[in-house]
Amino acid sequence: MKLELSKAEMLARWMSRRYLEPVRADCQVERSDAVDLAALCAREARDWYLELLATAPAELLSPVDVAKDCEAEAAADGYSVDVWMPENVVRPLSVRLAGWYRAATVVAPDSPAARRCASRFGAGGVAEPVAVLEPDGRLRLFSRPTSRRAPVVESLMAAVDTGEELYRFDERALSLIKEKY
């Protein structure tokens, strides 16, 4: 089940999973040097969430279609398209251009699929398109459907950082909370 939690709701779940909640209400303890556990746990939860967005399998995330916020431009090589994504995109997961038969999965620049795209004859074409996430954050899409029209991004599903006040992910991801956090 996909979850959308506020910062307070995420903090409550985090503290519960770390055995810091529920608080014992049947006793009193006074300290003047106490650690702010809520602030510490909020930071740990945020770090965990950012790591989840960057590395977790797509099925544990709650991807957002950011196609309408992207800028696409035909590259000078004549067979690829450069796409600039919004700043809040942590990781693109899949992308589809108008005219493609299916969406392309995003691969690393050093992968065999990306190396094949160095030549227009090695690129997958509209039937097996390839998307490469470049080190500069640009998404390079190989196999432009037609060289006469401006490229149109139909969909771009991405892991998006919604800021510190909102957490979106699949409930199964909570099982990934380890002792490190």
Protein backbone atom coordinates (compact mmCIF):
# COMPACT_ATOMS: atom_id res chain seq x y z
CA MET A 1 0.00 0.00 0.00
CA LYS A 2 1.33 3.43 -0.91
CA LEU A 3 1.75 5.79 2.03
CA GLU A 4 1.79 9.57 2.17
CA LEU A 5 2.91 10.64 5.63
CA SER A 6 3.40 14.06 7.15
CA LYS A 7 6.62 14.73 9.04
CA ALA A 8 4.84 14.13 12.37
CA GLU A 9 3.32 10.84 11.16
CA MET A 10 6.68 9.64 9.83
CA LEU A 11 8.37 10.61 13.09
CA ALA A 12 5.78 8.63 15.07
CA ARG A 13 6.32 5.52 12.91
CA TRP A 14 10.10 5.95 13.07
CA MET A 15 10.16 6.25 16.85
CA SER A 16 7.84 3.26 17.20
CA ARG A 17 10.11 1.11 15.01
CA ARG A 18 13.15 2.25 17.04
CA TYR A 19 11.38 1.30 20.30
CA LEU A 20 11.22 4.89 21.52
CA GLU A 21 7.42 5.02 21.58
CA PRO A 22 5.01 4.65 23.26
CA VAL A 23 6.35 6.70 26.12
CA ARG A 24 5.91 5.28 29.62
CA ALA A 25 3.33 7.53 31.26
CA ASP A 26 3.23 5.78 34.63
CA CYS A 27 6.50 7.24 35.93
CA GLN A 28 8.37 10.52 36.13
CA VAL A 29 11.97 11.27 35.28
CA GLU A 30 13.60 14.68 35.34
CA ARG A 31 16.83 15.47 33.53
CA SER A 32 18.44 18.70 32.54
CA ASP A 33 20.89 17.22 30.03
CA ALA A 34 18.52 15.13 27.92
CA VAL A 35 18.99 14.50 24.20
CA ASP A 36 16.24 15.78 21.88
CA LEU A 37 15.17 12.34 20.66
CA ALA A 38 12.49 13.71 18.35
CA ALA A 39 14.98 15.92 16.49
CA LEU A 40 17.50 13.09 16.28
CA CYS A 41 14.88 10.65 14.96
CA ALA A 42 13.53 13.22 12.47
CA ARG A 43 17.05 13.60 11.01
CA GLU A 44 17.55 9.83 10.86
CA ALA A 45 14.17 9.36 9.15
CA ARG A 46 15.01 12.04 6.58
CA ASP A 47 18.41 10.45 5.84
CA TRP A 48 16.75 7.04 5.46
CA TYR A 49 14.11 8.49 3.13
CA LEU A 50 16.67 10.20 0.87
CA GLU A 51 18.65 6.95 0.67
CA LEU A 52 15.43 5.08 -0.15
CA LEU A 53 14.64 7.47 -3.02
CA ALA A 54 18.16 7.14 -4.41
CA THR A 55 18.66 3.38 -4.21
CA ALA A 56 15.49 1.37 -3.51
CA PRO A 57 13.71 -0.72 -6.13
CA ALA A 58 10.96 1.21 -7.92
CA GLU A 59 8.21 -0.95 -6.40
CA LEU A 60 9.08 0.36 -2.93
CA LEU A 61 8.68 3.97 -4.03
CA SER A 62 5.73 6.10 -4.99
CA PRO A 63 6.85 7.42 -8.40
CA VAL A 64 5.50 10.69 -9.79
CA ASP A 65 5.07 11.58 -13.47
CA VAL A 66 7.10 14.77 -14.01
CA ALA A 67 6.84 14.87 -17.83
CA LYS A 68 4.99 18.18 -17.86
CA ASP A 69 7.83 19.81 -15.89
CA CYS A 70 10.64 18.56 -18.17
CA GLU A 71 12.39 20.28 -21.03
CA ALA A 72 13.33 18.14 -24.03
CA GLU A 73 15.58 19.10 -26.91
CA ALA A 74 16.86 17.17 -29.91
CA ALA A 75 20.59 16.58 -29.60
CA ALA A 76 23.03 17.60 -32.34
CA ASP A 77 23.90 13.95 -33.14
CA GLY A 78 20.54 13.55 -34.89
CA TYR A 79 19.35 10.44 -33.07
CA SER A 80 19.10 11.32 -29.37
CA VAL A 81 17.16 13.69 -27.13
CA ASP A 82 18.37 15.54 -24.03
CA VAL A 83 15.87 15.95 -21.19
CA TRP A 84 16.34 18.29 -18.25
CA MET A 85 14.32 17.30 -15.21
CA PRO A 86 13.03 19.38 -12.29
CA GLU A 87 15.44 19.88 -9.39
CA ASN A 88 13.38 17.78 -6.97
CA VAL A 89 13.88 14.60 -9.05
CA VAL A 90 16.20 12.32 -7.12
CA ARG A 91 16.20 9.52 -9.68
CA PRO A 92 14.35 8.94 -12.96
CA LEU A 93 12.83 5.45 -13.16
CA SER A 94 11.36 5.24 -16.67
CA VAL A 95 10.69 7.56 -19.57
CA ARG A 96 8.67 7.47 -22.77
CA LEU A 97 8.79 9.75 -25.79
CA ALA A 98 5.85 10.23 -28.12
CA GLY A 99 6.34 7.74 -30.97
CA TRP A 100 8.08 5.07 -28.91
CA TYR A 101 6.45 1.65 -28.65
CA ARG A 102 7.34 1.31 -24.97
CA ALA A 103 8.99 3.17 -22.11
CA ALA A 104 12.74 3.06 -21.66
CA THR A 105 14.32 2.00 -18.42
CA VAL A 106 17.04 4.34 -17.21
CA VAL A 107 20.56 2.89 -17.25
CA ALA A 108 23.93 4.09 -15.96
CA PRO A 109 26.37 5.74 -18.41
CA ASP A 110 28.88 2.90 -17.99
CA SER A 111 26.37 0.08 -18.65
CA PRO A 112 26.62 -2.10 -21.79
CA ALA A 113 23.27 -0.73 -23.04
CA ALA A 114 24.58 2.84 -22.78
CA ARG A 115 27.85 1.95 -24.54
CA ARG A 116 25.90 0.42 -27.44
CA CYS A 117 24.19 3.78 -27.95
CA ALA A 118 27.48 5.45 -28.85
CA SER A 119 26.58 4.51 -32.41
CA ARG A 120 23.19 5.23 -33.94
CA PHE A 121 23.22 1.64 -35.25
CA GLY A 122 23.61 0.22 -31.74
CA ALA A 123 20.79 2.27 -30.22
CA GLY A 124 17.59 0.36 -29.59
CA GLY A 125 15.26 2.26 -31.88
CA VAL A 126 11.64 3.10 -31.03
CA ALA A 127 10.95 -0.55 -30.14
CA GLU A 128 13.72 -0.85 -27.53
CA PRO A 129 14.68 2.68 -26.48
CA VAL A 130 17.45 3.40 -24.00
CA ALA A 131 17.66 6.26 -21.50
CA VAL A 132 21.01 7.14 -19.94
CA LEU A 133 21.34 9.27 -16.82
CA GLU A 134 24.40 11.41 -17.46
CA PRO A 135 26.68 12.57 -14.61
CA ASP A 136 25.49 16.17 -15.09
CA GLY A 137 21.91 15.14 -14.23
CA ARG A 138 20.70 15.30 -17.82
CA LEU A 139 18.73 12.36 -19.17
CA ARG A 140 19.81 11.35 -22.67
CA LEU A 141 17.21 9.38 -24.61
CA PHE A 142 18.35 7.32 -27.55
CA SER A 143 16.32 6.69 -30.67
CA ARG A 144 14.44 9.80 -31.58
CA PRO A 145 11.16 8.81 -33.32
CA THR A 146 11.53 11.40 -36.08
CA SER A 147 14.09 14.08 -36.73
CA ARG A 148 11.60 16.62 -38.14
CA ARG A 149 9.44 17.24 -35.08
CA ALA A 150 10.35 18.52 -31.66
CA PRO A 151 10.58 15.65 -29.14
CA VAL A 152 7.66 15.27 -26.72
CA VAL A 153 8.08 13.48 -23.38
CA GLU A 154 4.84 11.52 -22.81
CA SER A 155 5.80 10.26 -19.37
CA LEU A 156 8.75 10.41 -17.04
CA MET A 157 8.25 8.47 -13.84
CA ALA A 158 10.68 9.53 -11.13
CA ALA A 159 11.50 9.26 -7.46
CA VAL A 160 10.83 12.79 -6.25
CA ASP A 161 11.91 14.47 -3.01
CA THR A 162 8.83 16.26 -1.69
CA GLY A 163 10.77 18.09 1.00
CA GLU A 164 11.05 17.55 4.73
CA GLU A 165 7.34 17.79 5.44
CA LEU A 166 6.03 14.90 3.26
CA TYR A 167 7.09 11.28 2.80
CA ARG A 168 5.76 9.11 -0.07
CA PHE A 169 6.66 5.44 -0.43
CA ASP A 170 5.28 1.92 -0.33
CA GLU A 171 4.56 0.62 3.17
CA ARG A 172 6.86 -2.37 2.58
CA ALA A 173 9.83 0.03 2.57
CA LEU A 174 9.47 0.46 6.33
CA SER A 175 10.98 -3.00 6.70
CA LEU A 176 14.24 -1.58 5.31
CA ILE A 177 14.86 0.46 8.44
CA LYS A 178 18.03 -1.07 9.84
CA GLU A 179 20.09 -0.60 12.97
CA LYS A 180 22.24 1.94 11.12
CA TYR A 181 19.47 4.50 11.49
